[in-house]
Amino acid sequence: MDAEHLLVFPDRDAAELVAEQFEAAGLADVRVIREALAGEDDSEAHEWAVHVRTPDDPGYAVEFLAIAERHDGWYDPHPHG
């Protein structure tokens, strides 16, 4: 079973850099998306996110949390739940 992850960043450059790193590491299902967070009506306030699907391995969560923090972002281990 696969796991889905969402890493949210304050700017597009950070999101694209992280997505490129994931693709270079061999993760196939990686998307950069504009993320509307709860309570935000202004489209300029939306943040950039990297949605990634991985094998179901808890090690990814630890790695993704560290990556998000390094880029002043945050990590959501359950983007649909």
N, C-alpha and C. Protein backbone atom coordinates (compact mmCIF):
# COMPACT_ATOMS: atom_id res chain seq x y z
N MET A 1 0.84 -1.18 0.00
CA MET A 1 0.00 0.00 0.00
C MET A 1 0.88 1.24 0.00
N ASP A 2 0.49 2.24 -0.77
CA ASP A 2 1.24 3.49 -0.84
C ASP A 2 0.78 4.46 0.23
N ALA A 3 1.64 5.42 0.53
CA ALA A 3 1.32 6.50 1.47
C ALA A 3 1.41 7.82 0.71
N GLU A 4 0.56 8.78 1.10
CA GLU A 4 0.59 10.11 0.51
C GLU A 4 1.12 11.09 1.54
N HIS A 5 1.87 12.07 1.05
CA HIS A 5 2.47 13.07 1.91
C HIS A 5 2.29 14.44 1.28
N LEU A 6 2.25 15.47 2.11
CA LEU A 6 2.16 16.83 1.63
C LEU A 6 3.16 17.68 2.40
N LEU A 7 4.05 18.32 1.68
CA LEU A 7 5.02 19.23 2.27
C LEU A 7 4.65 20.62 1.77
N VAL A 8 4.42 21.56 2.68
CA VAL A 8 3.94 22.89 2.33
C VAL A 8 5.06 23.91 2.58
N PHE A 9 5.24 24.80 1.59
CA PHE A 9 6.32 25.78 1.65
C PHE A 9 5.79 27.18 1.39
N PRO A 10 6.47 28.20 1.92
CA PRO A 10 6.00 29.56 1.75
C PRO A 10 6.22 30.12 0.34
N ASP A 11 7.09 29.48 -0.44
CA ASP A 11 7.31 30.01 -1.78
C ASP A 11 7.49 28.89 -2.81
N ARG A 12 7.26 29.25 -4.05
CA ARG A 12 7.30 28.30 -5.16
C ARG A 12 8.69 27.72 -5.37
N ASP A 13 9.72 28.54 -5.24
CA ASP A 13 11.09 28.07 -5.48
C ASP A 13 11.45 26.90 -4.56
N ALA A 14 11.10 26.99 -3.30
CA ALA A 14 11.40 25.91 -2.35
C ALA A 14 10.64 24.64 -2.75
N ALA A 15 9.37 24.79 -3.10
CA ALA A 15 8.57 23.64 -3.49
C ALA A 15 9.14 22.96 -4.74
N GLU A 16 9.53 23.75 -5.73
CA GLU A 16 10.07 23.18 -6.96
C GLU A 16 11.42 22.50 -6.71
N LEU A 17 12.25 23.10 -5.86
CA LEU A 17 13.54 22.51 -5.52
C LEU A 17 13.36 21.15 -4.85
N VAL A 18 12.46 21.08 -3.88
CA VAL A 18 12.20 19.82 -3.18
C VAL A 18 11.63 18.78 -4.14
N ALA A 19 10.70 19.18 -5.00
CA ALA A 19 10.12 18.24 -5.97
C ALA A 19 11.20 17.69 -6.90
N GLU A 20 12.11 18.54 -7.35
CA GLU A 20 13.21 18.08 -8.20
C GLU A 20 14.09 17.07 -7.47
N GLN A 21 14.35 17.33 -6.20
CA GLN A 21 15.16 16.40 -5.41
C GLN A 21 14.45 15.06 -5.25
N PHE A 22 13.15 15.07 -5.04
CA PHE A 22 12.40 13.83 -4.91
C PHE A 22 12.44 13.03 -6.22
N GLU A 23 12.25 13.73 -7.33
CA GLU A 23 12.28 13.05 -8.63
C GLU A 23 13.67 12.47 -8.90
N ALA A 24 14.72 13.22 -8.56
CA ALA A 24 16.08 12.73 -8.75
C ALA A 24 16.36 11.51 -7.88
N ALA A 25 15.66 11.42 -6.74
CA ALA A 25 15.83 10.28 -5.83
C ALA A 25 15.01 9.07 -6.27
N GLY A 26 14.25 9.23 -7.36
CA GLY A 26 13.50 8.10 -7.89
C GLY A 26 12.05 8.01 -7.47
N LEU A 27 11.54 9.02 -6.77
CA LEU A 27 10.11 9.03 -6.43
C LEU A 27 9.34 9.47 -7.67
N ALA A 28 8.42 8.64 -8.12
CA ALA A 28 7.78 8.86 -9.41
C ALA A 28 6.55 9.77 -9.35
N ASP A 29 5.76 9.70 -8.30
CA ASP A 29 4.51 10.45 -8.22
C ASP A 29 4.72 11.70 -7.37
N VAL A 30 5.27 12.75 -8.00
CA VAL A 30 5.59 14.00 -7.31
C VAL A 30 4.90 15.14 -8.06
N ARG A 31 4.15 15.98 -7.33
CA ARG A 31 3.48 17.12 -7.95
C ARG A 31 3.66 18.37 -7.11
N VAL A 32 3.91 19.50 -7.77
CA VAL A 32 3.92 20.80 -7.10
C VAL A 32 2.54 21.40 -7.33
N ILE A 33 1.88 21.80 -6.24
CA ILE A 33 0.54 22.36 -6.35
C ILE A 33 0.42 23.63 -5.52
N ARG A 34 -0.55 24.45 -5.85
CA ARG A 34 -0.86 25.64 -5.04
C ARG A 34 -1.85 25.20 -3.99
N GLU A 35 -1.55 25.41 -2.74
CA GLU A 35 -2.35 24.88 -1.63
C GLU A 35 -3.10 26.00 -0.93
N ALA A 36 -4.43 25.93 -0.97
CA ALA A 36 -5.27 26.88 -0.23
C ALA A 36 -5.47 26.32 1.17
N LEU A 37 -4.94 26.99 2.14
CA LEU A 37 -5.06 26.53 3.52
C LEU A 37 -6.36 27.03 4.14
N ALA A 38 -6.82 26.35 5.16
CA ALA A 38 -8.08 26.70 5.82
C ALA A 38 -8.10 28.16 6.24
N GLY A 39 -9.18 28.85 5.89
CA GLY A 39 -9.35 30.23 6.30
C GLY A 39 -8.72 31.25 5.37
N GLU A 40 -8.07 30.81 4.31
CA GLU A 40 -7.45 31.75 3.38
C GLU A 40 -8.35 31.97 2.18
N ASP A 41 -8.76 33.23 1.98
CA ASP A 41 -9.60 33.57 0.83
C ASP A 41 -8.78 34.21 -0.28
N ASP A 42 -7.70 34.87 0.09
CA ASP A 42 -6.86 35.59 -0.87
C ASP A 42 -5.94 34.62 -1.58
N SER A 43 -6.04 34.55 -2.90
CA SER A 43 -5.21 33.59 -3.64
C SER A 43 -3.73 33.91 -3.52
N GLU A 44 -3.38 35.15 -3.23
CA GLU A 44 -1.97 35.50 -3.03
C GLU A 44 -1.43 34.89 -1.74
N ALA A 45 -2.30 34.54 -0.82
CA ALA A 45 -1.87 33.97 0.46
C ALA A 45 -1.68 32.46 0.38
N HIS A 46 -2.07 31.86 -0.73
CA HIS A 46 -1.91 30.42 -0.86
C HIS A 46 -0.44 30.05 -0.89
N GLU A 47 -0.13 28.93 -0.29
CA GLU A 47 1.25 28.48 -0.25
C GLU A 47 1.46 27.40 -1.31
N TRP A 48 2.70 27.03 -1.51
CA TRP A 48 3.07 26.01 -2.49
C TRP A 48 3.33 24.71 -1.77
N ALA A 49 2.90 23.63 -2.38
CA ALA A 49 3.04 22.34 -1.73
C ALA A 49 3.60 21.31 -2.71
N VAL A 50 4.23 20.30 -2.14
CA VAL A 50 4.69 19.15 -2.91
C VAL A 50 3.90 17.95 -2.40
N HIS A 51 3.15 17.37 -3.31
CA HIS A 51 2.40 16.16 -3.00
C HIS A 51 3.22 15.00 -3.53
N VAL A 52 3.45 14.01 -2.70
CA VAL A 52 4.28 12.87 -3.12
C VAL A 52 3.68 11.58 -2.58
N ARG A 53 3.73 10.55 -3.40
CA ARG A 53 3.27 9.22 -3.01
C ARG A 53 4.51 8.34 -2.90
N THR A 54 4.58 7.60 -1.80
CA THR A 54 5.74 6.74 -1.54
C THR A 54 5.26 5.35 -1.12
N PRO A 55 6.17 4.40 -1.10
CA PRO A 55 5.83 3.13 -0.45
C PRO A 55 5.49 3.41 1.02
N ASP A 56 4.70 2.57 1.61
CA ASP A 56 4.27 2.76 3.00
C ASP A 56 5.42 2.39 3.95
N ASP A 57 6.26 3.40 4.24
CA ASP A 57 7.44 3.21 5.08
C ASP A 57 7.55 4.43 5.99
N PRO A 58 7.52 4.26 7.31
CA PRO A 58 7.57 5.40 8.22
C PRO A 58 8.84 6.24 8.09
N GLY A 59 9.87 5.71 7.50
CA GLY A 59 11.10 6.47 7.31
C GLY A 59 10.91 7.70 6.45
N TYR A 60 9.97 7.64 5.51
CA TYR A 60 9.71 8.81 4.66
C TYR A 60 9.19 9.97 5.49
N ALA A 61 8.32 9.72 6.45
CA ALA A 61 7.76 10.79 7.27
C ALA A 61 8.86 11.54 8.02
N VAL A 62 9.79 10.81 8.57
CA VAL A 62 10.90 11.43 9.30
C VAL A 62 11.73 12.30 8.37
N GLU A 63 12.04 11.77 7.20
CA GLU A 63 12.84 12.51 6.21
C GLU A 63 12.09 13.75 5.72
N PHE A 64 10.79 13.60 5.42
CA PHE A 64 10.02 14.72 4.88
C PHE A 64 9.83 15.82 5.91
N LEU A 65 9.67 15.47 7.17
CA LEU A 65 9.56 16.47 8.23
C LEU A 65 10.83 17.31 8.29
N ALA A 66 11.98 16.66 8.23
CA ALA A 66 13.26 17.38 8.27
C ALA A 66 13.43 18.27 7.04
N ILE A 67 13.04 17.79 5.88
CA ILE A 67 13.15 18.59 4.65
C ILE A 67 12.25 19.82 4.74
N ALA A 68 11.02 19.63 5.17
CA ALA A 68 10.10 20.76 5.29
C ALA A 68 10.65 21.82 6.25
N GLU A 69 11.16 21.39 7.38
CA GLU A 69 11.70 22.33 8.36
C GLU A 69 12.91 23.08 7.82
N ARG A 70 13.75 22.41 7.04
CA ARG A 70 14.93 23.07 6.46
C ARG A 70 14.55 24.19 5.52
N HIS A 71 13.37 24.10 4.93
CA HIS A 71 12.93 25.11 3.95
C HIS A 71 11.82 25.99 4.51
N ASP A 72 11.72 26.10 5.83
CA ASP A 72 10.72 26.95 6.51
C ASP A 72 9.29 26.56 6.15
N GLY A 73 9.08 25.27 5.92
CA GLY A 73 7.75 24.78 5.60
C GLY A 73 7.24 23.86 6.69
N TRP A 74 6.20 23.11 6.37
CA TRP A 74 5.68 22.13 7.31
C TRP A 74 5.24 20.90 6.55
N TYR A 75 5.07 19.83 7.29
CA TYR A 75 4.79 18.51 6.72
C TYR A 75 3.46 17.98 7.22
N ASP A 76 2.63 17.52 6.28
CA ASP A 76 1.34 16.92 6.61
C ASP A 76 1.41 15.45 6.18
N PRO A 77 1.50 14.51 7.12
CA PRO A 77 1.63 13.11 6.76
C PRO A 77 0.33 12.47 6.28
N HIS A 78 -0.80 13.18 6.45
CA HIS A 78 -2.09 12.63 6.06
C HIS A 78 -2.88 13.69 5.26
N PRO A 79 -2.48 13.96 4.02
CA PRO A 79 -3.10 15.07 3.28
C PRO A 79 -4.58 14.88 2.96
N HIS A 80 -5.08 13.64 3.04
CA HIS A 80 -6.50 13.45 2.72
C HIS A 80 -7.27 12.92 3.89
N GLY A 81 -6.72 12.96 5.07
CA GLY A 81 -7.43 12.31 6.13
C GLY A 81 -7.55 13.06 7.38
